[in-house]
Amino acid sequence: MLKKIPHTYTIIAVIILICAGLSWIIPAGEFERQTMLVNGTERTVIVPDSFHRVEQSPISWQVFSSLYDGFERQAGIIVFLLIIGGAFQLMNSSRSIDAGIFSFLSFTRRLERHRFMRRIGVNNIVITMIMLLFSLFGAVFGMSEETLAFVVIIVPLAISMGYDSITGLCMVYVAAHVGFSGAVLNPFTIGIAQGLSDLPLFSGFEYRLFCWLLLTTLIIAIVLVYASRIRKRPQLSPMYAADAYWREKSEVTEGERIVYSTPRSCWVVYGLVLVALILFSVYYPSATFAIGETAVTLYVLPVLTVLFAIFGWFGARKSFHFFVLTLLAFTVFFLVVGVMAYGWYLPEISAIFLAMGILSGFAAGYSADNVIKQFLTGAKDLLSAALIVALAGGIIQILQDGKVIDPILHALASLMDNTGRLLSVGAMYIIQTLINLIIPSGSAKAALTMPIMAPFSDVIGISRQATVMAYQFGDGFTNMITPVSPILMGALGIARIPYEVWVKWFFKILLVFVVLGFVLLIPTVFMDLSGF
C-alpha cells in the first residue's frame, strides 16, 4: 500500500521547523557588509575574509510568526498573484480566453489537414515555439515573476490540447527558468555577477549563447516526449486525477455556446485606451533598449499605438471577446517594452495587468459592481497560492533571524581550499547550487557569493568568467525545485500542482541539468573561449 504524500503546507511547515532547529545547532556568525555601485545600482555585498562569530540567536516561538514575516517579505509577489487572479477572472468570466483557445484549436486542426504539418505535428510546433519564446525571455531580461501571469493562460490551453497541467507549466515556467539558467544577457544575474567580478558587462556572450541553445533544446525535447506520451495515454500523468478540475472546466465551456456581440461599452473602452496610448506616444515617443554596452532607440509606443488602433478596431467589430484578447496581446507587448526599456518590476507589471482586467470587464459590458465581484472571485481562487508563497518566504526569514545563512556560506567556501582547478570550479558550482536552495534570489546570491568567489578564482588560476558561469548554473537549475522560491510555489499554486507531485516528477530532469551544467563548465577551465 502506497504511503500518502504529505500536503504542500505540511512539507513547508516541516522545513520551517528544521531551519529553526539549525539555529540551535549551527554556531551563529556573520559577514560584514558594504554598499557599492554595480552597473549604476547600489548593491549590498559582503566583505571578503570578514566572517566572525556572533551571539547565538536560536529560533523558538518565532516559527509562529514566520507566516506573517513571509507575507511581509514576499508582499510584492503575493499582491501580484492576487491581482493576476482577479484580472484573469474578469477575462475568463467573459469567456474571452475560451474564445481565444477555441479559435486557436480550430486553426491548428485546419493546419493538420496538410500532410507535412500532420507528419511534424502541429501541437509539437506550438509547444516548441511557446517554450522557445519564454526561454528567450528568461535568457535576455530574466523573466521570472512575469511567468505567473502566463501560467493562467497556458495551463488551460495545454489541457484543451490533450495534455496535462505539468506540460502547461513546463511550456511557460520551466522554459523561462531554463532560459534564466543559461542566461545570455540577464541583467539580474549575469549583469550583477560580472559587475561584482570586475568583468566587462555581458562579456563571454558567444559561449553563453551556445549553452542557452543546448539547454533550451534539451528541455523542449524532454517536454515533447512527455507530452506525446500523455496525449496517447492521459492516465500516465501523475496529475490525471487532479487535472479533472481543468478538464471539467474545459468541457463546460466547450458545451456552452459563446454568444458573440459587441456592446457599446466595448467601443468606449477602445476609444479611451486609444486616446491614452496617443498621449503616451506624444510624451514618450521613443524607448531606449540597452543590451550590454549597446543601446538602441526605437519609436516603439507610436508603432504599438497604430497597431492597437488597427487590431483593436477589427477585434471589436468581430466581438468584444476578440477585443479583450487584443488587450491581452498588447498588455504582453507593453510588458516586454516596459521591462527592457524602462526597468519595470512588480509594481508596474501589476498595474498594467490590473488595468487590463478592469478594462476587459467593462468591455464585456459588466457593471462596476460586477467587475469588483469577479475580481474578488479571482483573487480568492489564488489565496491558497499566496499562502504558500508567504510560507516559503518565512523559511528564508527564519534562516536569517537565526543567523544560519552566513555560517553555512563560510563553511562551504572553506571546502574549496587546496583543490585543483576543475575541482574548484566544480565546488563553486555545488556551493552555488546548495545555497540556491535557501536563497533563490539571483541578485541577492550574487551580492553574497561573488565577492568571495571572484578573488578566489584568481588564486587557483581559473577565469572569473568561469566563476560567474558556476554561479549562473548554480543559481538557475534548483530554482525549479526549491520550496523557498516564491515564484515556483506561486506557479504550482496557479496550476494546482501539489509541490510533492512536482518534485517527484521533475527531480530526475533536474539531475540531468545539474550534471550537464558541470559538463558545460569544463571547457571554461581547459579551453580558450571568447571572453574567458
Protein backbone atom coordinates (compact mmCIF):
# COMPACT_ATOMS: atom_id res chain seq x y z
CA MET A 1 0.00 0.00 0.00
CA LEU A 2 1.45 3.40 -1.04
CA LYS A 3 2.17 5.89 1.69
CA LYS A 4 0.25 9.13 1.47
CA ILE A 5 2.46 12.03 0.41
CA PRO A 6 2.25 14.97 2.85
CA HIS A 7 0.42 18.13 1.80
CA THR A 8 2.47 21.07 0.47
CA TYR A 9 1.72 23.09 3.61
CA THR A 10 2.94 20.22 5.77
CA ILE A 11 6.21 19.94 3.83
CA ILE A 12 6.93 23.66 4.14
CA ALA A 13 5.98 23.68 7.85
CA VAL A 14 8.45 20.83 8.48
CA ILE A 15 11.19 22.73 6.62
CA ILE A 16 10.49 25.79 8.79
CA LEU A 17 10.88 23.65 11.94
CA ILE A 18 14.13 22.14 10.61
CA CYS A 19 15.53 25.60 9.88
CA ALA A 20 14.57 26.73 13.38
CA GLY A 21 16.34 23.65 14.76
CA LEU A 22 19.50 24.53 12.82
CA SER A 23 19.63 27.88 14.63
CA TRP A 24 20.20 25.92 17.87
CA ILE A 25 22.88 23.65 16.38
CA ILE A 26 24.95 25.76 13.96
CA PRO A 27 27.21 28.32 15.67
CA ALA A 28 25.96 31.78 14.70
CA GLY A 29 28.13 34.02 12.56
CA GLU A 30 28.02 36.95 10.17
CA PHE A 31 29.95 38.60 7.38
CA GLU A 32 30.45 42.33 7.40
CA ARG A 33 28.67 44.07 4.54
CA GLN A 34 29.26 47.17 2.49
CA THR A 35 27.34 49.09 -0.16
CA MET A 36 28.89 49.50 -3.60
CA LEU A 37 27.79 50.66 -7.04
CA VAL A 38 27.27 47.80 -9.55
CA ASN A 39 26.26 48.76 -13.10
CA GLY A 40 24.78 52.01 -11.83
CA THR A 41 22.80 50.39 -8.98
CA GLU A 42 23.72 50.25 -5.30
CA ARG A 43 24.19 46.70 -4.02
CA THR A 44 24.91 45.46 -0.51
CA VAL A 45 27.77 42.94 -0.68
CA ILE A 46 29.78 41.04 1.89
CA VAL A 47 33.37 41.96 2.72
CA PRO A 48 35.75 39.02 1.97
CA ASP A 49 37.51 37.49 4.99
CA SER A 50 35.19 39.36 7.36
CA PHE A 51 33.34 36.35 8.80
CA HIS A 52 33.12 36.38 12.60
CA ARG A 53 31.17 34.64 15.30
CA VAL A 54 28.25 36.42 16.93
CA GLU A 55 25.86 35.69 19.78
CA GLN A 56 23.60 32.71 19.18
CA SER A 57 20.06 33.58 18.02
CA PRO A 58 18.03 30.40 18.45
CA ILE A 59 14.53 30.40 16.96
CA SER A 60 11.69 29.08 19.14
CA TRP A 61 8.24 30.70 19.28
CA GLN A 62 9.21 32.83 16.28
CA VAL A 63 8.23 29.94 13.99
CA PHE A 64 4.63 31.02 14.57
CA SER A 65 5.39 34.49 13.21
CA SER A 66 7.06 33.06 10.08
CA LEU A 67 3.79 33.23 8.12
CA TYR A 68 3.43 36.93 8.93
CA ASP A 69 7.12 37.56 8.19
CA GLY A 70 6.76 35.68 4.93
CA PHE A 71 3.76 37.78 3.92
CA GLU A 72 5.73 40.92 4.70
CA ARG A 73 8.85 39.69 2.89
CA GLN A 74 7.04 38.49 -0.25
CA ALA A 75 4.32 41.17 -0.24
CA GLY A 76 5.11 42.19 -3.81
CA ILE A 77 4.70 38.73 -5.30
CA ILE A 78 1.63 37.97 -3.16
CA VAL A 79 -0.14 41.16 -4.29
CA PHE A 80 0.89 40.40 -7.86
CA LEU A 81 -0.66 36.92 -7.56
CA LEU A 82 -3.95 38.29 -6.24
CA ILE A 83 -4.10 40.94 -8.97
CA ILE A 84 -3.36 38.32 -11.64
CA GLY A 85 -6.13 36.11 -10.22
CA GLY A 86 -8.64 38.94 -10.28
CA ALA A 87 -7.64 40.26 -13.71
CA PHE A 88 -7.82 36.90 -15.45
CA GLN A 89 -11.08 36.01 -13.72
CA LEU A 90 -12.58 39.06 -15.43
CA MET A 91 -11.33 37.74 -18.77
CA ASN A 92 -12.39 34.15 -18.02
CA SER A 93 -15.87 35.08 -16.82
CA SER A 94 -16.49 36.90 -20.11
CA ARG A 95 -15.33 33.71 -21.92
CA SER A 96 -12.78 35.71 -23.90
CA ILE A 97 -9.98 33.26 -23.04
CA ASP A 98 -12.27 30.38 -24.10
CA ALA A 99 -12.96 32.11 -27.41
CA GLY A 100 -9.24 32.52 -27.97
CA ILE A 101 -8.47 28.89 -27.15
CA PHE A 102 -11.28 27.58 -29.37
CA SER A 103 -10.13 29.79 -32.26
CA PHE A 104 -6.54 28.63 -31.78
CA LEU A 105 -7.50 24.95 -31.66
CA SER A 106 -9.67 25.39 -34.75
CA PHE A 107 -6.70 26.95 -36.54
CA THR A 108 -4.39 24.08 -35.57
CA ARG A 109 -6.94 21.50 -36.74
CA ARG A 110 -7.07 23.19 -40.14
CA LEU A 111 -3.28 23.05 -40.33
CA GLU A 112 -3.37 19.31 -39.65
CA ARG A 113 -5.14 18.78 -42.98
CA HIS A 114 -1.79 19.29 -44.68
CA ARG A 115 0.25 16.12 -44.83
CA PHE A 116 3.56 17.83 -43.99
CA MET A 117 2.14 19.58 -40.92
CA ARG A 118 0.40 16.41 -39.82
CA ARG A 119 3.66 14.47 -40.05
CA ILE A 120 5.58 17.03 -37.97
CA GLY A 121 2.69 17.54 -35.57
CA VAL A 122 1.10 20.96 -35.21
CA ASN A 123 0.99 20.60 -31.43
CA ASN A 124 4.73 19.88 -31.39
CA ILE A 125 5.32 23.12 -33.26
CA VAL A 126 3.08 25.04 -30.83
CA ILE A 127 4.87 23.65 -27.76
CA THR A 128 8.29 24.30 -29.28
CA MET A 129 7.52 27.90 -30.27
CA ILE A 130 5.98 28.79 -26.89
CA MET A 131 8.89 27.26 -24.96
CA LEU A 132 11.47 28.89 -27.23
CA LEU A 133 9.84 32.28 -26.70
CA PHE A 134 9.73 32.06 -22.91
CA SER A 135 13.25 30.63 -22.73
CA LEU A 136 14.45 33.59 -24.77
CA PHE A 137 12.67 35.96 -22.38
CA GLY A 138 14.40 34.27 -19.44
CA ALA A 139 17.81 34.48 -21.10
CA VAL A 140 17.56 38.09 -22.25
CA PHE A 141 15.77 40.02 -19.49
CA GLY A 142 15.41 37.47 -16.72
CA MET A 143 11.70 36.71 -16.97
CA SER A 144 10.72 35.06 -13.71
CA GLU A 145 7.86 36.60 -11.73
CA GLU A 146 6.19 37.56 -15.00
CA THR A 147 5.62 33.88 -15.88
CA LEU A 148 2.89 33.70 -13.23
CA ALA A 149 0.59 35.76 -15.44
CA PHE A 150 1.00 33.32 -18.33
CA VAL A 151 0.55 30.10 -16.33
CA VAL A 152 -3.12 31.13 -16.04
CA ILE A 153 -3.42 31.01 -19.84
CA ILE A 154 -1.10 28.21 -20.95
CA VAL A 155 -2.22 25.51 -18.49
CA PRO A 156 -5.87 25.57 -19.75
CA LEU A 157 -4.52 25.65 -23.31
CA ALA A 158 -2.39 22.55 -22.66
CA ILE A 159 -5.39 20.74 -21.18
CA SER A 160 -7.51 21.68 -24.22
CA MET A 161 -4.77 20.31 -26.50
CA GLY A 162 -4.99 16.92 -24.74
CA TYR A 163 -2.04 17.29 -22.35
CA ASP A 164 -1.83 17.85 -18.58
CA SER A 165 -1.08 20.72 -16.23
CA ILE A 166 2.57 19.65 -15.92
CA THR A 167 3.02 20.13 -19.68
CA GLY A 168 1.41 23.55 -19.43
CA LEU A 169 3.68 24.56 -16.55
CA CYS A 170 6.75 23.37 -18.47
CA MET A 171 5.74 25.39 -21.53
CA VAL A 172 5.91 28.63 -19.53
CA TYR A 173 7.57 28.46 -16.12
CA VAL A 174 10.18 25.77 -16.79
CA ALA A 175 11.07 27.15 -20.23
CA ALA A 176 11.64 30.63 -18.80
CA HIS A 177 13.76 29.32 -15.93
CA VAL A 178 15.88 27.11 -18.15
CA GLY A 179 16.49 30.25 -20.21
CA PHE A 180 17.21 32.05 -16.94
CA SER A 181 19.76 29.35 -16.06
CA GLY A 182 21.51 29.64 -19.42
CA ALA A 183 21.16 33.41 -19.41
CA VAL A 184 22.91 35.35 -22.15
CA LEU A 185 22.05 38.97 -21.27
CA ASN A 186 20.12 38.70 -17.99
CA PRO A 187 20.92 41.92 -16.08
CA PHE A 188 19.71 40.46 -12.75
CA THR A 189 22.21 37.58 -12.75
CA ILE A 190 24.94 37.92 -15.37
CA GLY A 191 24.99 41.71 -15.16
CA ILE A 192 25.35 41.83 -11.37
CA ALA A 193 27.76 38.87 -11.11
CA GLN A 194 30.07 40.27 -13.80
CA GLY A 195 29.88 43.74 -12.27
CA LEU A 196 30.93 42.39 -8.87
CA SER A 197 33.73 40.41 -10.56
CA ASP A 198 35.09 43.47 -12.42
CA LEU A 199 34.34 41.91 -15.81
CA PRO A 200 33.05 43.72 -18.93
CA LEU A 201 29.26 43.68 -18.89
CA PHE A 202 27.84 40.61 -20.71
CA SER A 203 31.27 39.52 -21.93
CA GLY A 204 31.64 35.86 -22.93
CA PHE A 205 28.43 36.18 -24.93
CA GLU A 206 29.32 33.52 -27.52
CA TYR A 207 29.78 30.58 -25.15
CA ARG A 208 26.76 31.59 -23.08
CA LEU A 209 24.67 31.62 -26.24
CA PHE A 210 25.83 28.07 -27.05
CA CYS A 211 24.91 26.93 -23.52
CA TRP A 212 21.48 28.53 -23.77
CA LEU A 213 20.75 26.83 -27.11
CA LEU A 214 21.82 23.44 -25.73
CA LEU A 215 19.82 23.73 -22.51
CA THR A 216 16.72 25.02 -24.30
CA THR A 217 16.87 22.28 -26.94
CA LEU A 218 17.15 19.65 -24.22
CA ILE A 219 14.15 20.85 -22.18
CA ILE A 220 12.00 21.19 -25.31
CA ALA A 221 12.89 17.62 -26.34
CA ILE A 222 12.06 16.29 -22.85
CA VAL A 223 8.69 18.06 -22.76
CA LEU A 224 7.78 16.95 -26.30
CA VAL A 225 8.46 13.29 -25.44
CA TYR A 226 6.49 13.55 -22.19
CA ALA A 227 3.60 15.42 -23.83
CA SER A 228 3.37 12.82 -26.60
CA ARG A 229 3.08 10.02 -24.03
CA ILE A 230 0.40 11.87 -22.06
CA ARG A 231 -1.68 12.63 -25.14
CA LYS A 232 -1.69 8.95 -26.10
CA ARG A 233 -2.36 7.71 -22.55
CA PRO A 234 -3.63 10.53 -20.28
CA GLN A 235 -3.77 8.15 -17.29
CA LEU A 236 0.06 8.11 -17.22
CA SER A 237 0.08 11.68 -15.93
CA PRO A 238 0.68 12.00 -12.18
CA MET A 239 -1.83 14.86 -12.37
CA TYR A 240 -4.54 12.89 -14.19
CA ALA A 241 -6.95 12.81 -11.24
CA ALA A 242 -6.18 16.36 -10.06
CA ASP A 243 -6.50 17.75 -13.59
CA ALA A 244 -10.18 16.83 -13.53
CA TYR A 245 -10.69 20.43 -12.37
CA TRP A 246 -9.23 21.79 -15.63
CA ARG A 247 -10.88 19.14 -17.82
CA GLU A 248 -14.33 19.75 -16.34
CA LYS A 249 -13.86 23.47 -16.76
CA SER A 250 -12.87 22.92 -20.39
CA GLU A 251 -15.80 20.58 -21.04
CA VAL A 252 -18.29 23.04 -19.55
CA THR A 253 -17.02 25.92 -21.65
CA GLU A 254 -16.97 23.78 -24.81
CA GLY A 255 -20.53 22.66 -24.15
CA GLU A 256 -21.79 26.22 -23.79
CA ARG A 257 -22.20 28.22 -26.96
CA ILE A 258 -20.36 31.53 -26.94
CA VAL A 259 -22.63 34.43 -27.88
CA TYR A 260 -20.54 36.86 -29.87
CA SER A 261 -21.53 40.52 -29.55
CA THR A 262 -20.06 43.99 -29.20
CA PRO A 263 -21.72 46.16 -26.54
CA ARG A 264 -21.38 49.93 -26.71
CA SER A 265 -19.10 49.83 -23.66
CA CYS A 266 -16.54 47.89 -25.74
CA TRP A 267 -16.23 50.81 -28.19
CA VAL A 268 -15.97 53.24 -25.25
CA VAL A 269 -13.07 51.23 -23.81
CA TYR A 270 -11.46 51.07 -27.24
CA GLY A 271 -11.65 54.85 -27.58
CA LEU A 272 -10.33 55.53 -24.07
CA VAL A 273 -7.37 53.16 -24.47
CA LEU A 274 -6.54 54.61 -27.87
CA VAL A 275 -6.58 58.18 -26.52
CA ALA A 276 -4.37 57.14 -23.59
CA LEU A 277 -1.88 55.43 -25.94
CA ILE A 278 -1.77 58.51 -28.19
CA LEU A 279 -0.95 60.69 -25.18
CA PHE A 280 1.75 58.27 -24.03
CA SER A 281 3.17 58.26 -27.56
CA VAL A 282 3.40 62.06 -27.51
CA TYR A 283 5.12 62.20 -24.12
CA TYR A 284 7.28 59.07 -24.61
CA PRO A 285 7.81 58.85 -28.37
CA SER A 286 10.97 56.74 -28.16
CA ALA A 287 12.30 54.00 -25.93
CA THR A 288 15.93 53.01 -25.45
CA PHE A 289 16.75 49.31 -25.25
CA ALA A 290 20.15 48.67 -23.65
CA ILE A 291 21.83 45.32 -24.35
CA GLY A 292 25.24 45.23 -22.75
CA GLU A 293 27.15 48.32 -23.89
CA THR A 294 24.91 48.69 -26.96
CA ALA A 295 21.83 50.90 -26.83
CA VAL A 296 19.12 51.09 -29.49
CA THR A 297 16.44 53.80 -29.54
CA LEU A 298 13.17 52.87 -31.23
CA TYR A 299 9.77 54.56 -31.67
CA VAL A 300 8.02 51.66 -30.02
CA LEU A 301 5.00 53.34 -28.41
CA PRO A 302 3.81 55.15 -31.56
CA VAL A 303 4.13 51.91 -33.56
CA LEU A 304 2.22 49.90 -30.93
CA THR A 305 -0.44 52.62 -30.77
CA VAL A 306 -1.04 52.38 -34.52
CA LEU A 307 -1.16 48.58 -34.35
CA PHE A 308 -3.62 48.69 -31.44
CA ALA A 309 -5.82 51.12 -33.37
CA ILE A 310 -5.98 48.62 -36.26
CA PHE A 311 -6.27 45.32 -34.41
CA GLY A 312 -8.47 46.73 -31.66
CA TRP A 313 -10.92 48.01 -34.28
CA PHE A 314 -11.17 44.69 -36.10
CA GLY A 315 -11.36 42.79 -32.80
CA ALA A 316 -14.20 44.96 -31.50
CA ARG A 317 -16.08 44.68 -34.81
CA LYS A 318 -15.96 40.89 -34.57
CA SER A 319 -16.87 40.63 -30.88
CA PHE A 320 -15.86 42.02 -27.51
CA HIS A 321 -14.20 38.64 -26.86
CA PHE A 322 -11.61 39.32 -29.54
CA PHE A 323 -11.17 42.91 -28.41
CA VAL A 324 -10.36 41.60 -24.91
CA LEU A 325 -7.83 39.19 -26.44
CA THR A 326 -6.32 42.18 -28.27
CA LEU A 327 -6.00 43.93 -24.90
CA LEU A 328 -4.21 40.87 -23.55
CA ALA A 329 -1.81 40.70 -26.52
CA PHE A 330 -0.87 44.37 -26.26
CA THR A 331 -0.51 44.08 -22.49
CA VAL A 332 2.18 41.47 -23.16
CA PHE A 333 3.86 43.74 -25.73
CA PHE A 334 3.91 46.67 -23.33
CA LEU A 335 5.17 44.37 -20.57
CA VAL A 336 8.21 43.42 -22.67
CA VAL A 337 8.85 47.06 -23.61
CA GLY A 338 8.44 48.22 -20.02
CA VAL A 339 10.82 45.61 -18.60
CA MET A 340 13.52 46.00 -21.25
CA ALA A 341 13.39 49.76 -21.85
CA TYR A 342 12.05 51.28 -18.63
CA GLY A 343 13.13 48.81 -15.94
CA TRP A 344 9.65 47.81 -14.88
CA TYR A 345 9.23 45.42 -11.98
CA LEU A 346 6.31 44.13 -9.90
CA PRO A 347 4.57 47.49 -9.18
CA GLU A 348 4.41 48.49 -12.84
CA ILE A 349 3.64 44.97 -14.08
CA SER A 350 0.86 44.60 -11.50
CA ALA A 351 -0.57 47.94 -12.58
CA ILE A 352 -0.73 47.07 -16.27
CA PHE A 353 -2.42 43.71 -15.60
CA LEU A 354 -4.89 45.33 -13.20
CA ALA A 355 -5.77 47.89 -15.87
CA MET A 356 -6.15 45.08 -18.42
CA GLY A 357 -8.55 43.19 -16.14
CA ILE A 358 -10.73 46.20 -15.35
CA LEU A 359 -10.88 47.32 -18.99
CA SER A 360 -11.74 43.75 -20.04
CA GLY A 361 -14.66 43.72 -17.62
CA PHE A 362 -16.10 46.99 -18.86
CA ALA A 363 -15.53 45.98 -22.49
CA ALA A 364 -17.65 42.88 -21.82
CA GLY A 365 -20.48 45.11 -20.63
CA TYR A 366 -20.06 44.47 -16.89
CA SER A 367 -21.29 46.98 -14.34
CA ALA A 368 -18.82 48.38 -11.81
CA ASP A 369 -20.26 46.09 -9.10
CA ASN A 370 -19.88 43.03 -11.33
CA VAL A 371 -16.28 43.97 -12.16
CA ILE A 372 -15.48 44.11 -8.44
CA LYS A 373 -17.36 40.84 -7.78
CA GLN A 374 -15.46 38.96 -10.49
CA PHE A 375 -12.13 40.44 -9.39
CA LEU A 376 -12.68 39.30 -5.80
CA THR A 377 -13.64 35.82 -7.01
CA GLY A 378 -10.40 35.52 -8.95
CA ALA A 379 -8.27 36.85 -6.11
CA LYS A 380 -9.93 34.37 -3.76
CA ASP A 381 -9.01 31.48 -6.09
CA LEU A 382 -5.32 32.34 -5.75
CA LEU A 383 -5.37 32.91 -1.99
CA SER A 384 -4.07 29.37 -1.43
CA ALA A 385 -1.11 30.06 -3.75
CA ALA A 386 -0.48 33.33 -1.87
CA LEU A 387 -0.35 31.47 1.46
CA ILE A 388 2.20 29.03 0.04
CA VAL A 389 4.36 31.92 -1.16
CA ALA A 390 4.17 33.51 2.29
CA LEU A 391 5.23 30.28 3.99
CA ALA A 392 8.15 29.96 1.56
CA GLY A 393 9.22 33.49 2.48
CA GLY A 394 9.01 32.51 6.13
CA ILE A 395 11.71 29.87 5.61
CA ILE A 396 14.21 32.49 4.46
CA GLN A 397 13.27 34.79 7.34
CA ILE A 398 13.87 32.03 9.90
CA LEU A 399 17.32 31.31 8.42
CA GLN A 400 18.27 34.98 8.52
CA ASP A 401 16.93 35.65 12.01
CA GLY A 402 18.71 32.54 13.28
CA LYS A 403 21.99 33.76 11.71
CA VAL A 404 22.36 30.45 9.89
CA ILE A 405 22.97 31.54 6.28
CA ASP A 406 26.38 33.20 6.69
CA PRO A 407 27.93 30.29 8.69
CA ILE A 408 26.72 27.84 6.00
CA LEU A 409 28.24 30.03 3.26
CA HIS A 410 31.53 30.33 5.15
CA ALA A 411 31.74 26.58 5.73
CA LEU A 412 31.02 25.80 2.09
CA ALA A 413 33.60 28.33 0.88
CA SER A 414 36.21 26.70 3.12
CA LEU A 415 35.76 23.44 1.22
CA MET A 416 37.47 24.96 -1.83
CA ASP A 417 40.87 25.28 -0.16
CA ASN A 418 43.68 23.12 -1.60
CA THR A 419 41.76 21.81 -4.61
CA GLY A 420 42.68 21.75 -8.29
CA ARG A 421 41.17 24.00 -10.94
CA LEU A 422 38.49 21.59 -12.15
CA LEU A 423 37.56 20.50 -8.63
CA SER A 424 37.46 24.14 -7.54
CA VAL A 425 35.07 25.24 -10.26
CA GLY A 426 33.00 22.11 -9.53
CA ALA A 427 33.00 23.03 -5.84
CA MET A 428 31.88 26.56 -6.68
CA TYR A 429 29.07 25.13 -8.77
CA ILE A 430 27.95 22.77 -5.99
CA ILE A 431 28.14 25.56 -3.42
CA GLN A 432 26.05 27.91 -5.56
CA THR A 433 23.55 25.09 -6.16
CA LEU A 434 23.21 24.33 -2.45
CA ILE A 435 22.96 28.00 -1.48
CA ASN A 436 20.23 28.45 -4.07
CA LEU A 437 18.07 26.00 -2.14
CA ILE A 438 17.81 28.58 0.65
CA ILE A 439 18.42 31.85 -1.25
CA PRO A 440 16.58 31.67 -4.60
CA SER A 441 17.07 35.37 -5.41
CA GLY A 442 19.75 35.58 -8.11
CA SER A 443 20.76 39.18 -7.39
CA ALA A 444 20.93 38.60 -3.63
CA LYS A 445 23.03 35.47 -4.08
CA ALA A 446 25.41 37.25 -6.47
CA ALA A 447 25.93 40.01 -3.90
CA LEU A 448 26.51 37.40 -1.22
CA THR A 449 28.87 35.00 -3.01
CA MET A 450 30.72 36.74 -5.85
CA PRO A 451 32.90 38.94 -3.57
CA ILE A 452 34.24 35.66 -2.15
CA MET A 453 34.35 33.53 -5.30
CA ALA A 454 35.87 36.06 -7.73
CA PRO A 455 39.13 36.75 -5.81
CA PHE A 456 39.47 33.05 -5.00
CA SER A 457 39.36 32.18 -8.71
CA ASP A 458 42.42 34.38 -9.25
CA VAL A 459 44.33 32.43 -6.61
CA ILE A 460 43.59 28.99 -8.06
CA GLY A 461 44.15 30.06 -11.67
CA ILE A 462 40.70 29.90 -13.28
CA SER A 463 38.99 32.78 -15.08
CA ARG A 464 36.45 34.93 -13.32
CA GLN A 465 34.12 34.17 -16.23
CA ALA A 466 34.18 30.51 -15.20
CA THR A 467 33.26 31.59 -11.67
CA VAL A 468 30.35 33.63 -13.00
CA MET A 469 29.12 30.65 -15.03
CA ALA A 470 29.33 28.39 -11.97
CA TYR A 471 27.16 30.95 -10.19
CA GLN A 472 24.82 31.22 -13.18
CA PHE A 473 24.11 27.47 -13.42
CA GLY A 474 24.01 27.02 -9.65
CA ASP A 475 21.56 29.89 -9.38
CA GLY A 476 19.22 28.68 -12.11
CA PHE A 477 18.50 24.97 -12.07
CA THR A 478 17.42 24.45 -8.46
CA ASN A 479 15.06 27.44 -8.68
CA MET A 480 12.67 24.95 -10.28
CA ILE A 481 12.53 22.70 -7.22
CA THR A 482 13.38 24.66 -4.05
CA PRO A 483 10.35 25.24 -1.79
CA VAL A 484 11.69 28.64 -0.70
CA SER A 485 11.18 30.04 -4.22
CA PRO A 486 8.02 32.18 -4.16
CA ILE A 487 7.83 32.05 -7.97
CA LEU A 488 7.82 28.24 -8.06
CA MET A 489 5.27 27.95 -5.28
CA GLY A 490 3.09 30.60 -6.90
CA ALA A 491 3.24 28.87 -10.30
CA LEU A 492 2.40 25.49 -8.76
CA GLY A 493 -0.49 27.08 -6.87
CA ILE A 494 -1.93 28.60 -10.04
CA ALA A 495 -1.54 25.32 -11.97
CA ARG A 496 -2.97 23.39 -8.97
CA ILE A 497 0.02 21.04 -8.93
CA PRO A 498 0.96 19.85 -5.41
CA TYR A 499 4.60 20.52 -4.57
CA GLU A 500 5.25 16.90 -3.68
CA VAL A 501 3.94 15.71 -7.07
CA TRP A 502 6.11 18.26 -8.87
CA VAL A 503 9.28 17.26 -7.01
CA LYS A 504 8.74 13.59 -7.73
CA TRP A 505 8.17 14.29 -11.44
CA PHE A 506 10.87 16.92 -12.00
CA PHE A 507 13.70 15.57 -9.83
CA LYS A 508 15.24 13.28 -12.50
CA ILE A 509 15.11 16.08 -15.07
CA LEU A 510 16.82 18.37 -12.57
CA LEU A 511 19.65 15.87 -12.08
CA VAL A 512 20.21 15.76 -15.85
CA PHE A 513 20.52 19.55 -15.99
CA VAL A 514 22.79 19.71 -12.93
CA VAL A 515 25.17 17.16 -14.48
CA LEU A 516 25.03 18.93 -17.85
CA GLY A 517 25.83 22.22 -16.11
CA PHE A 518 29.05 20.71 -14.74
CA VAL A 519 29.97 19.34 -18.18
CA LEU A 520 29.49 22.81 -19.70
CA LEU A 521 31.81 24.27 -17.05
CA ILE A 522 34.72 22.02 -18.06
CA PRO A 523 35.60 23.96 -21.26
CA THR A 524 35.78 27.19 -19.22
CA VAL A 525 38.73 25.68 -17.31
CA PHE A 526 40.73 23.96 -20.07
CA MET A 527 39.84 25.80 -23.30
CA ASP A 528 40.41 29.32 -24.59
CA LEU A 529 36.93 30.70 -25.10
CA SER A 530 35.99 34.13 -26.37
CA GLY A 531 35.58 36.46 -23.43
CA PHE A 532 37.05 33.98 -20.92
